[in-house]
Amino acid sequence: MGFSSQRVLPVRRALALGLLAAAAGVSGLAQAQTGTPIKLLVGFPAGAGTDAIARALGEKLKDELGVPVVVENRAGAGGQIAAQALKAAPADGNTLFLTHDHSISILPQVVKNPGFAPASDFVPVAGFATFANVLAVSGGTPARTFNEYLNWVKTQKGGKDTIGVPAPGSIPEFLVKLTAEKYKLDLQAAPYRGSAPMTADMLGNQIAAGIASVPDFIENHKAGKVRIVAVIGAKRQPLLPSVPTFTELGFSNLDDYPYYGIFAPVGTPQPVIDRFGTALQKVLAMPDVKAKLTGLGLNVAYEPQGQFAGRVRTYTQTWERIIQSTGFKPL
């Protein structure tokens, strides 16, 4: 039986669209091979934990991909500015976003108009690590453990204290709320513009405690300038074997680890994504890179696109339930 003209036209159109998509993939791959630099957006300032991670990976990715990989800091609003820049970038594989869970899973839930929607504006490329958020106390406090900190707040601070967090509406802020509720204390989150200024105030004893990631605190913890007293997650961290988890301390629903990964604008050709993912996997297998990232407090593990997308989806749903349970209203 023959096709009618009405049926042939859609088939031709579909074939044409398929050829265009294939051409876009070849074109994007070619661009990545002609020396055009790859811009790796980071939503935090130079010198912060995420920036150090991006630079460690970028140097090796340059060699694997055969093109410069330039870290571009678009700091501010907990990664929101960098995420908006990714949305506005061409989907040619030359602009990618290295970030953690806050920008992708949390911001869209706590900001009324973030200017991007991860599910429709971005595509996961690959995941490369998980990490833990931690509660640390400053060197100016006598506390050496989580319970000692709580007792100090009760006996020396009248049950009130301010805990620094890297951004408003962040997981650290929700951890402050959960801790205050569990122990019936008046704990208030003090949002900063990133972990660096928060840590500076802790080192200067302007605030007694802060919550951020292991990479943000680990060097000062090793130096004895701050003391990490509790970590998020199902098990203790290899770098912090003596520090209990929030789960051990009696908190529930805090087993999921935050993640680090790479994202691209939606529509980026699949061959380009696959090529970058393959390069990232090779870089993560390098002993010096793994040692560097592990030393920063990351649990290094490559996750291909599909697996990483599942992690992002599950993690987002978990924290959606927790955020709603606190009664938090989007800013």
Protein backbone atom coordinates (compact mmCIF):
# COMPACT_ATOMS: atom_id res chain seq x y z
CA MET A 1 0.00 0.00 0.00
CA GLY A 2 1.44 3.42 -1.01
CA PHE A 3 1.80 6.54 1.17
CA SER A 4 -0.45 9.54 0.57
CA SER A 5 1.15 12.96 0.08
CA GLN A 6 -0.12 13.94 3.55
CA ARG A 7 1.80 11.02 5.06
CA VAL A 8 4.97 11.41 3.00
CA LEU A 9 5.47 15.05 4.02
CA PRO A 10 5.70 14.39 7.78
CA VAL A 11 8.07 11.49 7.13
CA ARG A 12 10.34 13.74 5.03
CA ARG A 13 10.18 16.42 7.69
CA ALA A 14 11.14 13.88 10.39
CA LEU A 15 14.04 12.65 8.29
CA ALA A 16 15.21 16.23 7.74
CA LEU A 17 15.04 16.98 11.46
CA GLY A 18 16.99 13.82 12.20
CA LEU A 19 19.71 14.83 9.74
CA LEU A 20 19.87 18.30 11.30
CA ALA A 21 20.23 16.80 14.77
CA ALA A 22 23.01 14.50 13.59
CA ALA A 23 24.75 17.44 11.91
CA ALA A 24 24.51 19.44 15.14
CA GLY A 25 26.17 16.59 17.01
CA VAL A 26 29.02 16.39 14.50
CA SER A 27 29.37 20.17 14.48
CA GLY A 28 29.47 20.34 18.28
CA LEU A 29 32.06 17.56 18.43
CA ALA A 30 34.14 19.29 15.78
CA GLN A 31 34.04 22.54 17.73
CA ALA A 32 35.35 20.75 20.79
CA GLN A 33 38.22 19.42 18.72
CA THR A 34 39.34 22.63 17.00
CA GLY A 35 40.90 24.30 20.01
CA THR A 36 37.88 26.33 21.11
CA PRO A 37 38.22 26.68 24.90
CA ILE A 38 35.65 24.98 27.10
CA LYS A 39 34.29 27.37 29.69
CA LEU A 40 33.67 25.70 33.06
CA LEU A 41 31.31 27.90 35.06
CA VAL A 42 31.65 27.92 38.85
CA GLY A 43 29.08 29.69 41.00
CA PHE A 44 31.44 30.55 43.84
CA PRO A 45 34.47 32.81 44.29
CA ALA A 46 38.06 31.92 43.50
CA GLY A 47 39.66 30.21 46.48
CA ALA A 48 36.47 28.52 47.68
CA GLY A 49 36.10 24.75 47.82
CA THR A 50 34.19 24.39 44.55
CA ASP A 51 36.69 26.60 42.73
CA ALA A 52 39.60 24.46 43.94
CA ILE A 53 37.82 21.33 42.71
CA ALA A 54 37.09 22.87 39.30
CA ARG A 55 40.70 23.95 38.81
CA ALA A 56 42.05 20.54 39.81
CA LEU A 57 39.81 18.86 37.22
CA GLY A 58 40.17 21.54 34.55
CA GLU A 59 43.93 21.20 34.33
CA LYS A 60 43.71 17.48 33.57
CA LEU A 61 40.63 17.74 31.35
CA LYS A 62 42.59 20.12 29.15
CA ASP A 63 45.07 17.37 28.40
CA GLU A 64 42.40 14.72 27.79
CA LEU A 65 40.22 16.89 25.54
CA GLY A 66 43.07 18.63 23.74
CA VAL A 67 41.54 22.08 24.29
CA PRO A 68 41.88 24.70 27.05
CA VAL A 69 39.43 24.32 29.93
CA VAL A 70 38.91 27.73 31.51
CA VAL A 71 37.34 28.06 34.94
CA GLU A 72 35.07 31.11 34.99
CA ASN A 73 33.81 32.23 38.39
CA ARG A 74 30.29 33.65 38.29
CA ALA A 75 29.98 34.02 42.03
CA GLY A 76 26.86 35.04 43.88
CA ALA A 77 23.46 33.92 45.13
CA GLY A 78 24.59 30.38 45.90
CA GLY A 79 25.33 29.53 42.27
CA GLN A 80 22.22 31.19 40.87
CA ILE A 81 24.17 33.65 38.71
CA ALA A 82 26.27 30.88 37.18
CA ALA A 83 23.17 28.76 36.55
CA GLN A 84 21.51 31.65 34.73
CA ALA A 85 24.67 32.06 32.65
CA LEU A 86 24.51 28.39 31.69
CA LYS A 87 20.90 28.73 30.60
CA ALA A 88 21.86 31.67 28.36
CA ALA A 89 24.86 29.90 26.83
CA PRO A 90 24.77 28.22 23.39
CA ALA A 91 24.15 24.49 23.54
CA ASP A 92 27.38 23.67 21.70
CA GLY A 93 29.34 21.98 24.46
CA ASN A 94 31.69 24.91 24.96
CA THR A 95 30.03 26.08 28.19
CA LEU A 96 29.50 23.70 31.11
CA PHE A 97 28.61 24.17 34.78
CA LEU A 98 30.49 22.47 37.61
CA THR A 99 28.38 22.66 40.72
CA HIS A 100 26.97 20.86 43.70
CA ASP A 101 23.48 20.07 44.91
CA HIS A 102 22.57 23.55 46.15
CA SER A 103 22.39 25.18 42.72
CA ILE A 104 20.43 22.34 41.10
CA SER A 105 18.31 20.64 43.77
CA ILE A 106 17.75 23.32 46.41
CA LEU A 107 17.73 26.80 44.86
CA PRO A 108 14.68 26.19 42.64
CA GLN A 109 12.75 25.17 45.77
CA VAL A 110 13.69 28.13 47.97
CA VAL A 111 13.75 31.02 45.48
CA LYS A 112 10.52 32.20 43.89
CA ASN A 113 12.04 33.16 40.55
CA PRO A 114 15.52 31.65 40.21
CA GLY A 115 15.70 32.39 36.49
CA PHE A 116 16.24 28.77 35.48
CA ALA A 117 14.58 25.37 35.77
CA PRO A 118 17.10 22.52 35.93
CA ALA A 119 14.75 19.87 34.56
CA SER A 120 14.00 21.82 31.38
CA ASP A 121 17.02 24.12 30.96
CA PHE A 122 19.91 21.78 31.80
CA VAL A 123 21.06 18.27 31.02
CA PRO A 124 23.30 16.31 33.40
CA VAL A 125 26.65 15.37 31.90
CA ALA A 126 28.13 13.25 34.70
CA GLY A 127 28.61 13.13 38.43
CA PHE A 128 32.03 12.82 39.99
CA ALA A 129 31.74 12.96 43.79
CA THR A 130 29.62 13.13 46.89
CA PHE A 131 30.47 14.95 50.09
CA ALA A 132 29.10 15.81 53.50
CA ASN A 133 27.84 19.00 55.04
CA VAL A 134 29.21 19.43 58.54
CA LEU A 135 28.76 21.49 61.68
CA ALA A 136 31.98 23.10 62.86
CA VAL A 137 32.71 25.26 65.89
CA SER A 138 35.25 28.05 66.03
CA GLY A 139 38.49 27.85 67.95
CA GLY A 140 37.14 30.47 70.35
CA THR A 141 34.63 28.08 71.86
CA PRO A 142 35.55 25.44 74.47
CA ALA A 143 33.46 22.78 72.69
CA ARG A 144 35.22 19.71 71.31
CA THR A 145 32.11 17.69 70.44
CA PHE A 146 28.56 18.27 69.19
CA ASN A 147 27.08 17.71 72.66
CA GLU A 148 29.64 20.01 74.26
CA TYR A 149 28.61 22.73 71.81
CA LEU A 150 24.93 22.25 72.70
CA ASN A 151 25.74 22.37 76.43
CA TRP A 152 27.82 25.52 75.92
CA VAL A 153 24.89 27.19 74.15
CA LYS A 154 22.55 26.20 76.98
CA THR A 155 24.79 27.18 79.88
CA GLN A 156 26.83 30.07 78.52
CA LYS A 157 24.62 31.59 75.86
CA GLY A 158 21.20 31.36 77.45
CA GLY A 159 20.07 28.78 74.91
CA LYS A 160 20.67 31.15 71.98
CA ASP A 161 23.30 31.21 69.28
CA THR A 162 23.87 32.23 65.69
CA ILE A 163 25.20 29.65 63.24
CA GLY A 164 26.72 30.76 59.96
CA VAL A 165 25.53 29.24 56.67
CA PRO A 166 26.95 29.87 53.18
CA ALA A 167 23.65 31.00 51.63
CA PRO A 168 20.04 31.68 52.57
CA GLY A 169 17.65 28.83 51.90
CA SER A 170 20.52 26.33 51.81
CA ILE A 171 20.72 22.86 53.34
CA PRO A 172 22.95 24.28 56.12
CA GLU A 173 20.12 26.68 57.01
CA PHE A 174 17.68 23.79 57.22
CA LEU A 175 20.13 21.87 59.41
CA VAL A 176 20.14 24.84 61.78
CA LYS A 177 16.32 24.75 61.88
CA LEU A 178 16.26 20.99 62.49
CA THR A 179 18.87 21.23 65.27
CA ALA A 180 17.02 24.08 66.98
CA GLU A 181 13.76 22.15 66.84
CA LYS A 182 15.22 18.87 68.08
CA TYR A 183 17.03 20.39 71.07
CA LYS A 184 14.54 23.20 71.83
CA LEU A 185 17.17 25.90 71.38
CA ASP A 186 16.96 29.37 69.88
CA LEU A 187 19.42 28.83 67.03
CA GLN A 188 19.35 31.33 64.19
CA ALA A 189 21.01 30.91 60.80
CA ALA A 190 23.22 33.78 59.62
CA PRO A 191 23.37 33.58 55.81
CA TYR A 192 26.61 34.65 54.12
CA ARG A 193 27.55 35.15 50.49
CA GLY A 194 29.52 31.94 50.30
CA SER A 195 31.53 29.82 52.71
CA ALA A 196 34.72 31.92 52.52
CA PRO A 197 33.43 35.01 54.38
CA MET A 198 31.58 32.77 56.83
CA THR A 199 34.76 30.84 57.60
CA ALA A 200 36.67 34.12 57.98
CA ASP A 201 34.21 35.21 60.68
CA MET A 202 34.60 31.85 62.41
CA LEU A 203 38.38 32.20 62.38
CA GLY A 204 37.98 35.68 63.84
CA ASN A 205 35.59 34.34 66.49
CA GLN A 206 32.81 36.60 65.23
CA ILE A 207 30.50 33.60 65.17
CA ALA A 208 30.84 30.44 67.24
CA ALA A 209 29.69 27.88 64.69
CA GLY A 210 28.97 27.33 61.02
CA ILE A 211 27.61 24.68 58.70
CA ALA A 212 29.14 24.08 55.28
CA SER A 213 30.77 21.27 53.31
CA VAL A 214 33.81 19.21 54.28
CA PRO A 215 35.89 20.89 51.50
CA ASP A 216 35.05 24.29 52.99
CA PHE A 217 36.33 23.39 56.48
CA ILE A 218 38.80 20.54 56.17
CA GLU A 219 42.05 22.53 55.96
CA ASN A 220 41.18 24.73 58.94
CA HIS A 221 39.98 21.63 60.82
CA LYS A 222 43.32 19.92 60.21
CA ALA A 223 45.08 23.06 61.44
CA GLY A 224 42.99 23.13 64.60
CA LYS A 225 41.48 26.52 63.79
CA VAL A 226 37.93 25.12 63.66
CA ARG A 227 36.57 21.82 64.93
CA ILE A 228 34.15 19.71 62.89
CA VAL A 229 31.77 18.04 65.35
CA ALA A 230 29.01 16.46 63.22
CA VAL A 231 28.66 15.27 59.62
CA ILE A 232 25.66 14.55 57.43
CA GLY A 233 25.21 11.14 55.80
CA ALA A 234 24.71 7.45 56.56
CA LYS A 235 28.29 6.79 57.68
CA ARG A 236 31.32 8.61 59.00
CA GLN A 237 33.70 10.32 56.62
CA PRO A 238 37.13 8.75 55.95
CA LEU A 239 38.85 12.05 56.73
CA LEU A 240 36.85 12.44 59.94
CA PRO A 241 36.60 8.97 61.49
CA SER A 242 36.03 10.25 65.03
CA VAL A 243 33.23 12.68 64.08
CA PRO A 244 29.69 11.27 64.47
CA THR A 245 27.00 11.60 61.82
CA PHE A 246 23.77 13.50 62.38
CA THR A 247 22.05 10.11 62.02
CA GLU A 248 24.10 8.75 64.94
CA LEU A 249 23.08 11.82 66.91
CA GLY A 250 19.40 10.96 66.45
CA PHE A 251 18.38 12.91 63.35
CA SER A 252 16.28 11.19 60.69
CA ASN A 253 16.15 11.57 56.88
CA LEU A 254 19.71 12.91 56.67
CA ASP A 255 21.34 9.91 55.00
CA ASP A 256 21.54 11.20 51.40
CA TYR A 257 24.88 12.73 50.48
CA PRO A 258 25.10 15.99 48.53
CA TYR A 259 26.65 15.61 45.09
CA TYR A 260 29.04 17.30 42.69
CA GLY A 261 28.55 17.09 38.95
CA ILE A 262 28.73 18.72 35.54
CA PHE A 263 25.74 20.16 33.67
CA ALA A 264 25.26 21.47 30.12
CA PRO A 265 22.57 23.59 28.46
CA VAL A 266 19.63 21.53 27.24
CA GLY A 267 20.05 20.65 23.58
CA THR A 268 23.79 20.06 23.82
CA PRO A 269 24.60 17.30 21.29
CA GLN A 270 24.92 13.85 22.86
CA PRO A 271 28.31 13.11 21.22
CA VAL A 272 29.74 16.19 22.95
CA ILE A 273 28.30 15.12 26.32
CA ASP A 274 29.63 11.58 25.88
CA ARG A 275 33.08 12.85 24.94
CA PHE A 276 33.31 15.08 28.00
CA GLY A 277 31.99 12.31 30.25
CA THR A 278 34.62 9.89 28.95
CA ALA A 279 37.37 12.45 29.54
CA LEU A 280 36.11 13.13 33.08
CA GLN A 281 36.07 9.41 33.87
CA LYS A 282 39.71 9.10 32.77
CA VAL A 283 40.76 12.13 34.81
CA LEU A 284 39.06 10.82 37.97
CA ALA A 285 40.98 7.56 37.63
CA MET A 286 44.32 9.40 37.83
CA PRO A 287 45.91 8.77 41.26
CA ASP A 288 47.03 12.37 41.76
CA VAL A 289 43.57 13.76 40.94
CA LYS A 290 41.82 11.28 43.20
CA ALA A 291 44.25 12.06 46.01
CA LYS A 292 43.69 15.80 45.57
CA LEU A 293 39.89 15.54 45.62
CA THR A 294 39.87 13.05 48.46
CA GLY A 295 42.11 15.38 50.42
CA LEU A 296 39.51 18.11 49.95
CA GLY A 297 36.91 15.89 51.61
CA LEU A 298 35.18 14.42 48.56
CA ASN A 299 34.10 10.82 48.06
CA VAL A 300 35.22 10.43 44.45
CA ALA A 301 33.14 8.20 42.17
CA TYR A 302 32.34 8.70 38.50
CA GLU A 303 28.64 8.47 37.63
CA PRO A 304 27.60 8.36 33.95
CA GLN A 305 24.81 10.57 32.71
CA GLY A 306 21.86 8.26 33.40
CA GLN A 307 22.99 7.22 36.86
CA PHE A 308 23.81 10.79 37.84
CA ALA A 309 20.42 12.03 36.60
CA GLY A 310 18.76 9.47 38.89
CA ARG A 311 20.80 10.64 41.88
CA VAL A 312 19.85 14.27 41.24
CA ARG A 313 16.18 13.36 40.94
CA THR A 314 16.08 11.30 44.16
CA TYR A 315 18.08 13.83 46.17
CA THR A 316 15.83 16.68 45.01
CA GLN A 317 12.71 14.79 46.05
CA THR A 318 14.15 13.97 49.49
CA TRP A 319 14.94 17.58 50.27
CA GLU A 320 11.66 18.78 48.84
CA ARG A 321 9.92 16.81 51.60
CA ILE A 322 12.27 18.11 54.30
CA ILE A 323 11.98 21.73 53.18
CA GLN A 324 8.21 21.54 53.11
CA SER A 325 8.19 20.02 56.61
CA THR A 326 10.03 23.06 58.01
CA GLY A 327 7.38 25.45 56.70
CA PHE A 328 10.00 27.43 54.78
CA LYS A 329 8.57 30.00 52.38
CA PRO A 330 10.43 30.70 49.12
CA LEU A 331 12.38 33.96 49.22
